[in-house]
Each structure stands twice: as C-alpha cells, then as structure tokens.
Amino acid sequence: MLLGTEDFILNKTDDDKFAEKDALTMTAAELATYTGEDDDDDSPLYICISGRIYDVTAGERFYGVDGKYHLFVGKDATRAYATGCLEDNDDCVTSSTDGLTESEFKEIDRWLELYETHDKYTFVGFLVDDPVDQLLEMEATEEGEEQQQEQ
C-alpha cells in the first residue's frame, strides 16, 4: 500500500524479464508440458491463475514433483487459489470462477499480486484457447443448429 491507497500498485520497469508486450501465449496443452514430471525434464515449472502464467521454478520446494502445490503446476488453478482447495480433481483445480463469492474473487487478486510482485517468480504470458478446439466447437454447434432446423 502506497500513500494510503488501496489500489493494486505494480512497480514495473523496462528491465522486467517478461514485459506484457512481449508476453507469450500458450494453450492449456502447452502449459501442461511445464510440470517437471519427466526424469530428464529441465523445463521450468509454470502455474496459471486467471489466465496469467508464471514461472515458479525458483519455488521447486513448493511446486516441484514432491511439493504441496505441485497439483497447480501446468494448469490454470484459479478456483483452487480462490477457495484454498488442495484436492487434485477437476472441481478444484480449474479455471472456472462460477459461483465464487466476492471474498473468493479478492483472494484471486491477492494471489495475483503475490505472483506479480514476487522477486523469484516471473510473469511468462497468457493462457489462450486452442484455436483448433474453438473451430471444432463452432462446427459442432453449427451442426446441432442445422439438425434442429431440419426437424
């Protein structure tokens, strides 16, 4: 908090490793490869919250294969951050914010602020929908609409 304001203040500099204008975009399938689970895998550990991807490799003790928060690695775990859920299932570790309370949305903001300002974790980029999946979904929707019109 600076000068009594309660607004989120992020002190970005030109030296930031990943300025947002240079941010990567990654699909969920691509993000899922950054888990450190392969024996010969020296790739970074990435987590995602609210569509923002962060490199948490420096926190391997927490996010590595044996870490308490490894279930968040390689996924968008927004709901888990909001609710504090640590169960490794699709109801907990998901990007869905359906039904969250105002205080749970504030918890998401709190976690985002932590990752944005942490001195060892870095912003990597944004999670995007897979364009192939989007095309298949659009095609299925169109086919369904055509079938309804034929009836």
N, C-alpha and C. Protein backbone atom coordinates (compact mmCIF):
# COMPACT_ATOMS: atom_id res chain seq x y z
N MET A 1 0.85 -1.16 0.00
CA MET A 1 0.00 0.00 0.00
C MET A 1 0.91 1.23 0.00
N LEU A 2 0.65 2.14 -0.89
CA LEU A 2 1.47 3.32 -1.05
C LEU A 2 0.61 4.56 -0.86
N LEU A 3 1.04 5.46 0.00
CA LEU A 3 0.34 6.71 0.25
C LEU A 3 -1.12 6.51 0.63
N GLY A 4 -1.41 5.43 1.32
CA GLY A 4 -2.75 5.18 1.81
C GLY A 4 -3.75 4.72 0.77
N THR A 5 -3.29 4.44 -0.45
CA THR A 5 -4.22 3.95 -1.46
C THR A 5 -4.37 2.45 -1.31
N GLU A 6 -5.53 1.97 -1.69
CA GLU A 6 -5.76 0.53 -1.61
C GLU A 6 -5.73 -0.11 -2.98
N ASP A 7 -5.46 0.68 -4.00
CA ASP A 7 -5.38 0.13 -5.34
C ASP A 7 -4.10 -0.67 -5.50
N PHE A 8 -4.19 -1.69 -6.33
CA PHE A 8 -3.03 -2.51 -6.64
C PHE A 8 -2.00 -1.66 -7.37
N ILE A 9 -0.80 -1.60 -6.85
CA ILE A 9 0.26 -0.81 -7.47
C ILE A 9 1.39 -1.76 -7.82
N LEU A 10 1.71 -1.83 -9.09
CA LEU A 10 2.77 -2.71 -9.55
C LEU A 10 3.90 -1.86 -10.10
N ASN A 11 5.06 -2.01 -9.54
CA ASN A 11 6.21 -1.24 -9.95
C ASN A 11 6.95 -1.99 -11.04
N LYS A 12 6.57 -1.75 -12.28
CA LYS A 12 7.23 -2.40 -13.41
C LYS A 12 8.32 -1.48 -13.95
N THR A 13 9.39 -2.09 -14.42
CA THR A 13 10.48 -1.33 -15.01
C THR A 13 10.73 -1.86 -16.42
N ASP A 14 11.54 -1.13 -17.17
CA ASP A 14 11.91 -1.58 -18.51
C ASP A 14 12.77 -2.82 -18.46
N ASP A 15 13.33 -3.12 -17.29
CA ASP A 15 14.20 -4.28 -17.16
C ASP A 15 13.45 -5.57 -16.86
N ASP A 16 12.12 -5.50 -16.72
CA ASP A 16 11.35 -6.71 -16.44
C ASP A 16 11.65 -7.75 -17.50
N LYS A 17 11.89 -8.98 -17.04
CA LYS A 17 12.24 -10.06 -17.95
C LYS A 17 11.15 -10.30 -18.99
N PHE A 18 9.90 -10.28 -18.55
CA PHE A 18 8.79 -10.53 -19.46
C PHE A 18 7.79 -9.38 -19.37
N ALA A 19 8.04 -8.34 -20.12
CA ALA A 19 7.08 -7.25 -20.18
C ALA A 19 5.83 -7.79 -20.87
N GLU A 20 4.67 -7.29 -20.50
CA GLU A 20 3.42 -7.81 -21.07
C GLU A 20 3.39 -7.71 -22.59
N LYS A 21 4.01 -6.69 -23.15
CA LYS A 21 4.00 -6.56 -24.61
C LYS A 21 4.79 -7.69 -25.27
N ASP A 22 5.70 -8.32 -24.55
CA ASP A 22 6.49 -9.42 -25.07
C ASP A 22 6.01 -10.77 -24.54
N ALA A 23 4.85 -10.78 -23.90
CA ALA A 23 4.36 -11.99 -23.26
C ALA A 23 4.08 -13.10 -24.27
N LEU A 24 4.31 -14.31 -23.83
CA LEU A 24 3.99 -15.48 -24.63
C LEU A 24 2.50 -15.78 -24.51
N THR A 25 1.99 -16.51 -25.46
CA THR A 25 0.66 -17.08 -25.33
C THR A 25 0.82 -18.58 -25.39
N MET A 26 0.00 -19.28 -24.64
CA MET A 26 0.14 -20.71 -24.51
C MET A 26 -1.25 -21.34 -24.35
N THR A 27 -1.46 -22.47 -24.99
CA THR A 27 -2.71 -23.21 -24.82
C THR A 27 -2.59 -24.07 -23.56
N ALA A 28 -3.71 -24.61 -23.10
CA ALA A 28 -3.70 -25.48 -21.93
C ALA A 28 -2.81 -26.71 -22.17
N ALA A 29 -2.83 -27.23 -23.39
CA ALA A 29 -1.99 -28.39 -23.71
C ALA A 29 -0.51 -28.03 -23.63
N GLU A 30 -0.16 -26.85 -24.09
CA GLU A 30 1.23 -26.41 -24.00
C GLU A 30 1.63 -26.18 -22.54
N LEU A 31 0.76 -25.54 -21.78
CA LEU A 31 1.03 -25.28 -20.37
C LEU A 31 1.26 -26.58 -19.61
N ALA A 32 0.51 -27.61 -19.97
CA ALA A 32 0.59 -28.91 -19.28
C ALA A 32 1.95 -29.59 -19.44
N THR A 33 2.79 -29.10 -20.33
CA THR A 33 4.12 -29.71 -20.51
C THR A 33 5.15 -29.15 -19.54
N TYR A 34 4.79 -28.12 -18.80
CA TYR A 34 5.74 -27.47 -17.89
C TYR A 34 5.48 -27.88 -16.44
N THR A 35 5.65 -29.19 -16.18
CA THR A 35 5.35 -29.73 -14.85
C THR A 35 6.56 -30.29 -14.13
N GLY A 36 7.66 -30.50 -14.85
CA GLY A 36 8.85 -31.07 -14.23
C GLY A 36 8.70 -32.54 -13.87
N GLU A 37 7.73 -33.23 -14.44
CA GLU A 37 7.47 -34.60 -14.07
C GLU A 37 8.32 -35.62 -14.81
N ASP A 38 8.89 -35.26 -15.96
CA ASP A 38 9.77 -36.18 -16.68
C ASP A 38 11.13 -36.21 -16.01
N ASP A 39 11.73 -37.41 -15.92
CA ASP A 39 13.03 -37.56 -15.25
C ASP A 39 14.11 -36.68 -15.88
N ASP A 40 14.09 -36.56 -17.20
CA ASP A 40 15.11 -35.77 -17.88
C ASP A 40 14.61 -34.37 -18.24
N ASP A 41 13.57 -33.94 -17.56
CA ASP A 41 12.93 -32.67 -17.87
C ASP A 41 13.57 -31.53 -17.06
N ASP A 42 14.26 -30.65 -17.75
CA ASP A 42 14.83 -29.46 -17.11
C ASP A 42 13.97 -28.23 -17.40
N SER A 43 12.76 -28.45 -17.89
CA SER A 43 11.90 -27.32 -18.24
C SER A 43 11.41 -26.63 -16.98
N PRO A 44 11.04 -25.37 -17.11
CA PRO A 44 10.55 -24.63 -15.94
C PRO A 44 9.20 -25.16 -15.46
N LEU A 45 8.85 -24.75 -14.25
CA LEU A 45 7.55 -25.08 -13.66
C LEU A 45 6.65 -23.87 -13.84
N TYR A 46 5.53 -24.05 -14.53
CA TYR A 46 4.61 -22.96 -14.78
C TYR A 46 3.28 -23.23 -14.08
N ILE A 47 2.72 -22.19 -13.48
CA ILE A 47 1.37 -22.24 -12.94
C ILE A 47 0.57 -21.15 -13.64
N CYS A 48 -0.75 -21.23 -13.52
CA CYS A 48 -1.60 -20.23 -14.15
C CYS A 48 -2.73 -19.88 -13.20
N ILE A 49 -3.00 -18.59 -13.10
CA ILE A 49 -4.11 -18.10 -12.31
C ILE A 49 -4.77 -16.97 -13.09
N SER A 50 -6.06 -17.07 -13.29
CA SER A 50 -6.83 -16.10 -14.07
C SER A 50 -6.23 -15.86 -15.45
N GLY A 51 -5.76 -16.93 -16.07
CA GLY A 51 -5.23 -16.82 -17.42
C GLY A 51 -3.84 -16.23 -17.52
N ARG A 52 -3.20 -15.94 -16.37
CA ARG A 52 -1.84 -15.39 -16.36
C ARG A 52 -0.88 -16.49 -15.93
N ILE A 53 0.16 -16.69 -16.71
CA ILE A 53 1.11 -17.78 -16.48
C ILE A 53 2.37 -17.24 -15.81
N TYR A 54 2.82 -17.96 -14.79
CA TYR A 54 4.01 -17.57 -14.03
C TYR A 54 4.99 -18.73 -13.95
N ASP A 55 6.28 -18.40 -14.01
CA ASP A 55 7.35 -19.37 -13.82
C ASP A 55 7.65 -19.42 -12.33
N VAL A 56 7.40 -20.58 -11.70
CA VAL A 56 7.61 -20.75 -10.27
C VAL A 56 8.73 -21.75 -9.99
N THR A 57 9.63 -21.92 -10.96
CA THR A 57 10.72 -22.87 -10.83
C THR A 57 11.55 -22.60 -9.57
N ALA A 58 11.73 -21.34 -9.23
CA ALA A 58 12.51 -20.98 -8.04
C ALA A 58 11.86 -21.51 -6.77
N GLY A 59 10.61 -21.82 -6.81
CA GLY A 59 9.90 -22.38 -5.66
C GLY A 59 9.71 -23.88 -5.79
N GLU A 60 10.69 -24.56 -6.36
CA GLU A 60 10.57 -26.00 -6.61
C GLU A 60 10.21 -26.78 -5.34
N ARG A 61 10.66 -26.30 -4.20
CA ARG A 61 10.34 -26.96 -2.93
C ARG A 61 8.82 -27.04 -2.73
N PHE A 62 8.10 -26.04 -3.21
CA PHE A 62 6.65 -25.99 -3.08
C PHE A 62 5.93 -26.55 -4.31
N TYR A 63 6.48 -26.27 -5.51
CA TYR A 63 5.80 -26.60 -6.75
C TYR A 63 6.39 -27.80 -7.49
N GLY A 64 7.53 -28.29 -7.05
CA GLY A 64 8.15 -29.45 -7.68
C GLY A 64 7.32 -30.71 -7.49
N VAL A 65 7.76 -31.80 -8.07
CA VAL A 65 7.02 -33.05 -8.07
C VAL A 65 6.60 -33.49 -6.67
N ASP A 66 7.42 -33.27 -5.68
CA ASP A 66 7.08 -33.67 -4.31
C ASP A 66 6.50 -32.53 -3.47
N GLY A 67 6.27 -31.39 -4.09
CA GLY A 67 5.79 -30.22 -3.36
C GLY A 67 4.29 -30.23 -3.11
N LYS A 68 3.89 -29.55 -2.06
CA LYS A 68 2.48 -29.48 -1.66
C LYS A 68 1.59 -28.87 -2.73
N TYR A 69 2.13 -27.96 -3.54
CA TYR A 69 1.34 -27.26 -4.54
C TYR A 69 1.61 -27.73 -5.96
N HIS A 70 2.21 -28.90 -6.09
CA HIS A 70 2.51 -29.41 -7.43
C HIS A 70 1.24 -29.63 -8.26
N LEU A 71 0.12 -29.88 -7.60
CA LEU A 71 -1.13 -30.10 -8.34
C LEU A 71 -1.54 -28.87 -9.13
N PHE A 72 -0.98 -27.69 -8.83
CA PHE A 72 -1.29 -26.46 -9.58
C PHE A 72 -0.42 -26.31 -10.82
N VAL A 73 0.69 -27.02 -10.89
CA VAL A 73 1.68 -26.84 -11.95
C VAL A 73 1.16 -27.39 -13.28
N GLY A 74 1.32 -26.59 -14.31
CA GLY A 74 0.89 -27.00 -15.64
C GLY A 74 -0.60 -26.83 -15.88
N LYS A 75 -1.29 -26.10 -14.99
CA LYS A 75 -2.75 -25.93 -15.10
C LYS A 75 -3.14 -24.52 -14.71
N ASP A 76 -4.35 -24.14 -15.11
CA ASP A 76 -4.95 -22.92 -14.60
C ASP A 76 -5.75 -23.34 -13.37
N ALA A 77 -5.27 -22.98 -12.21
CA ALA A 77 -5.86 -23.41 -10.93
C ALA A 77 -6.56 -22.25 -10.23
N THR A 78 -7.17 -21.37 -10.98
CA THR A 78 -7.80 -20.18 -10.42
C THR A 78 -8.76 -20.51 -9.28
N ARG A 79 -9.63 -21.49 -9.47
CA ARG A 79 -10.62 -21.84 -8.45
C ARG A 79 -9.94 -22.32 -7.17
N ALA A 80 -8.90 -23.10 -7.29
CA ALA A 80 -8.18 -23.59 -6.11
C ALA A 80 -7.55 -22.44 -5.33
N TYR A 81 -7.00 -21.46 -6.03
CA TYR A 81 -6.45 -20.29 -5.36
C TYR A 81 -7.54 -19.51 -4.64
N ALA A 82 -8.71 -19.42 -5.25
CA ALA A 82 -9.82 -18.67 -4.66
C ALA A 82 -10.38 -19.35 -3.42
N THR A 83 -10.47 -20.67 -3.47
CA THR A 83 -11.15 -21.42 -2.41
C THR A 83 -10.21 -22.06 -1.40
N GLY A 84 -8.94 -22.18 -1.76
CA GLY A 84 -7.99 -22.86 -0.88
C GLY A 84 -8.05 -24.37 -1.01
N CYS A 85 -8.76 -24.87 -1.99
CA CYS A 85 -8.90 -26.31 -2.21
C CYS A 85 -7.57 -26.90 -2.66
N LEU A 86 -7.17 -28.00 -2.04
CA LEU A 86 -5.92 -28.67 -2.41
C LEU A 86 -6.17 -30.11 -2.87
N GLU A 87 -7.36 -30.36 -3.39
CA GLU A 87 -7.68 -31.68 -3.92
C GLU A 87 -7.36 -31.71 -5.40
N ASP A 88 -6.71 -32.78 -5.83
CA ASP A 88 -6.30 -32.90 -7.22
C ASP A 88 -7.44 -33.47 -8.06
N ASN A 89 -8.42 -32.61 -8.35
CA ASN A 89 -9.54 -33.03 -9.18
C ASN A 89 -10.02 -31.83 -10.00
N ASP A 90 -10.87 -32.12 -10.99
CA ASP A 90 -11.33 -31.08 -11.92
C ASP A 90 -12.30 -30.09 -11.28
N ASP A 91 -12.87 -30.43 -10.13
CA ASP A 91 -13.76 -29.49 -9.45
C ASP A 91 -12.96 -28.43 -8.68
N CYS A 92 -11.75 -28.77 -8.32
CA CYS A 92 -10.91 -27.88 -7.52
C CYS A 92 -9.90 -27.15 -8.41
N VAL A 93 -9.12 -27.88 -9.17
CA VAL A 93 -8.06 -27.30 -9.99
C VAL A 93 -8.62 -27.02 -11.38
N THR A 94 -9.23 -25.84 -11.49
CA THR A 94 -9.87 -25.44 -12.73
C THR A 94 -9.84 -23.91 -12.87
N SER A 95 -10.07 -23.46 -14.07
CA SER A 95 -10.13 -22.01 -14.30
C SER A 95 -11.51 -21.44 -14.00
N SER A 96 -12.48 -22.30 -13.75
CA SER A 96 -13.85 -21.86 -13.54
C SER A 96 -13.98 -20.98 -12.29
N THR A 97 -14.68 -19.86 -12.46
CA THR A 97 -14.97 -18.98 -11.33
C THR A 97 -16.47 -18.93 -11.05
N ASP A 98 -17.21 -19.84 -11.65
CA ASP A 98 -18.66 -19.89 -11.45
C ASP A 98 -18.98 -20.08 -9.98
N GLY A 99 -19.85 -19.23 -9.46
CA GLY A 99 -20.33 -19.37 -8.09
C GLY A 99 -19.39 -18.87 -7.01
N LEU A 100 -18.27 -18.25 -7.37
CA LEU A 100 -17.36 -17.75 -6.34
C LEU A 100 -17.95 -16.52 -5.66
N THR A 101 -17.61 -16.35 -4.41
CA THR A 101 -18.08 -15.20 -3.64
C THR A 101 -17.16 -14.00 -3.88
N GLU A 102 -17.60 -12.85 -3.41
CA GLU A 102 -16.78 -11.63 -3.54
C GLU A 102 -15.45 -11.81 -2.82
N SER A 103 -15.46 -12.43 -1.65
CA SER A 103 -14.21 -12.62 -0.91
C SER A 103 -13.29 -13.61 -1.63
N GLU A 104 -13.85 -14.58 -2.35
CA GLU A 104 -13.02 -15.51 -3.11
C GLU A 104 -12.39 -14.82 -4.31
N PHE A 105 -13.12 -13.89 -4.93
CA PHE A 105 -12.52 -13.10 -6.02
C PHE A 105 -11.40 -12.22 -5.49
N LYS A 106 -11.56 -11.69 -4.29
CA LYS A 106 -10.49 -10.89 -3.68
C LYS A 106 -9.27 -11.77 -3.39
N GLU A 107 -9.51 -13.01 -3.05
CA GLU A 107 -8.40 -13.95 -2.80
C GLU A 107 -7.61 -14.19 -4.09
N ILE A 108 -8.31 -14.29 -5.22
CA ILE A 108 -7.63 -14.42 -6.51
C ILE A 108 -6.74 -13.20 -6.74
N ASP A 109 -7.27 -12.01 -6.49
CA ASP A 109 -6.48 -10.78 -6.66
C ASP A 109 -5.26 -10.77 -5.75
N ARG A 110 -5.43 -11.27 -4.53
CA ARG A 110 -4.32 -11.32 -3.58
C ARG A 110 -3.20 -12.23 -4.10
N TRP A 111 -3.59 -13.38 -4.65
CA TRP A 111 -2.59 -14.29 -5.20
C TRP A 111 -1.93 -13.69 -6.44
N LEU A 112 -2.70 -13.04 -7.28
CA LEU A 112 -2.11 -12.39 -8.46
C LEU A 112 -1.08 -11.35 -8.04
N GLU A 113 -1.41 -10.58 -7.02
CA GLU A 113 -0.47 -9.58 -6.54
C GLU A 113 0.81 -10.23 -6.03
N LEU A 114 0.67 -11.35 -5.33
CA LEU A 114 1.86 -12.06 -4.85
C LEU A 114 2.76 -12.48 -6.00
N TYR A 115 2.17 -13.11 -7.02
CA TYR A 115 2.98 -13.58 -8.15
C TYR A 115 3.55 -12.41 -8.96
N GLU A 116 2.79 -11.35 -9.10
CA GLU A 116 3.27 -10.19 -9.86
C GLU A 116 4.44 -9.49 -9.18
N THR A 117 4.47 -9.51 -7.89
CA THR A 117 5.49 -8.75 -7.17
C THR A 117 6.58 -9.62 -6.55
N HIS A 118 6.45 -10.93 -6.65
CA HIS A 118 7.44 -11.83 -6.04
C HIS A 118 8.78 -11.66 -6.74
N ASP A 119 9.86 -11.65 -5.97
CA ASP A 119 11.17 -11.41 -6.56
C ASP A 119 11.75 -12.64 -7.25
N LYS A 120 11.18 -13.83 -7.05
CA LYS A 120 11.73 -15.02 -7.68
C LYS A 120 10.81 -15.66 -8.71
N TYR A 121 9.56 -15.25 -8.75
CA TYR A 121 8.61 -15.78 -9.73
C TYR A 121 8.43 -14.73 -10.82
N THR A 122 8.33 -15.18 -12.06
CA THR A 122 8.22 -14.23 -13.16
C THR A 122 6.98 -14.49 -14.01
N PHE A 123 6.42 -13.42 -14.50
CA PHE A 123 5.30 -13.48 -15.43
C PHE A 123 5.82 -14.00 -16.76
N VAL A 124 5.13 -14.97 -17.34
CA VAL A 124 5.54 -15.56 -18.61
C VAL A 124 4.62 -15.13 -19.74
N GLY A 125 3.32 -15.20 -19.50
CA GLY A 125 2.39 -14.87 -20.57
C GLY A 125 0.96 -15.20 -20.21
N PHE A 126 0.18 -15.43 -21.26
CA PHE A 126 -1.26 -15.61 -21.10
C PHE A 126 -1.71 -16.96 -21.63
N LEU A 127 -2.67 -17.55 -20.95
CA LEU A 127 -3.30 -18.78 -21.41
C LEU A 127 -4.35 -18.40 -22.44
N VAL A 128 -4.34 -19.10 -23.57
CA VAL A 128 -5.31 -18.83 -24.64
C VAL A 128 -6.01 -20.13 -25.01
N ASP A 129 -7.21 -19.99 -25.56
CA ASP A 129 -7.93 -21.16 -26.05
C ASP A 129 -7.22 -21.72 -27.26
N ASP A 130 -7.25 -23.03 -27.39
CA ASP A 130 -6.67 -23.69 -28.55
C ASP A 130 -7.56 -23.39 -29.76
N PRO A 131 -7.01 -22.79 -30.82
CA PRO A 131 -7.84 -22.43 -31.97
C PRO A 131 -8.48 -23.65 -32.64
N VAL A 132 -7.82 -24.79 -32.60
CA VAL A 132 -8.40 -26.00 -33.19
C VAL A 132 -9.64 -26.41 -32.41
N ASP A 133 -9.53 -26.38 -31.07
CA ASP A 133 -10.69 -26.71 -30.23
C ASP A 133 -11.85 -25.75 -30.49
N GLN A 134 -11.53 -24.47 -30.65
CA GLN A 134 -12.57 -23.47 -30.92
C GLN A 134 -13.28 -23.76 -32.24
N LEU A 135 -12.50 -24.11 -33.28
CA LEU A 135 -13.10 -24.43 -34.57
C LEU A 135 -13.99 -25.66 -34.49
N LEU A 136 -13.52 -26.70 -33.77
CA LEU A 136 -14.31 -27.91 -33.62
C LEU A 136 -15.60 -27.64 -32.86
N GLU A 137 -15.51 -26.79 -31.83
CA GLU A 137 -16.69 -26.44 -31.05
C GLU A 137 -17.69 -25.66 -31.91
N MET A 138 -17.20 -24.72 -32.71
CA MET A 138 -18.07 -23.95 -33.59
C MET A 138 -18.75 -24.86 -34.61
N GLU A 139 -17.98 -25.80 -35.15
CA GLU A 139 -18.52 -26.73 -36.14
C GLU A 139 -19.61 -27.60 -35.52
N ALA A 140 -19.38 -28.09 -34.31
CA ALA A 140 -20.37 -28.92 -33.62
C ALA A 140 -21.64 -28.12 -33.33
N THR A 141 -21.48 -26.86 -32.95
CA THR A 141 -22.63 -26.00 -32.68
C THR A 141 -23.44 -25.78 -33.95
N GLU A 142 -22.75 -25.51 -35.04
CA GLU A 142 -23.43 -25.29 -36.32
C GLU A 142 -24.17 -26.55 -36.77
N GLU A 143 -23.55 -27.72 -36.60
CA GLU A 143 -24.19 -28.97 -36.98
C GLU A 143 -25.44 -29.20 -36.13
N GLY A 144 -25.35 -28.89 -34.84
CA GLY A 144 -26.51 -29.05 -33.96
C GLY A 144 -27.64 -28.14 -34.35
N GLU A 145 -27.32 -26.91 -34.74
CA GLU A 145 -28.34 -25.95 -35.16
C GLU A 145 -28.99 -26.42 -36.46
N GLU A 146 -28.21 -26.97 -37.39
CA GLU A 146 -28.73 -27.45 -38.65
C GLU A 146 -29.69 -28.63 -38.42
N GLN A 147 -29.32 -29.51 -37.51
CA GLN A 147 -30.17 -30.66 -37.21
C GLN A 147 -31.49 -30.21 -36.59
N GLN A 148 -31.45 -29.19 -35.74
CA GLN A 148 -32.67 -28.69 -35.13
C GLN A 148 -33.59 -28.04 -36.18
N GLN A 149 -33.00 -27.38 -37.16
CA GLN A 149 -33.78 -26.74 -38.20
C GLN A 149 -34.45 -27.77 -39.11
N GLU A 150 -33.77 -28.91 -39.31
CA GLU A 150 -34.30 -29.95 -40.16
C GLU A 150 -35.49 -30.66 -39.52
N GLN A 151 -35.59 -30.60 -38.22
CA GLN A 151 -36.67 -31.31 -37.51
C GLN A 151 -37.91 -30.56 -37.53
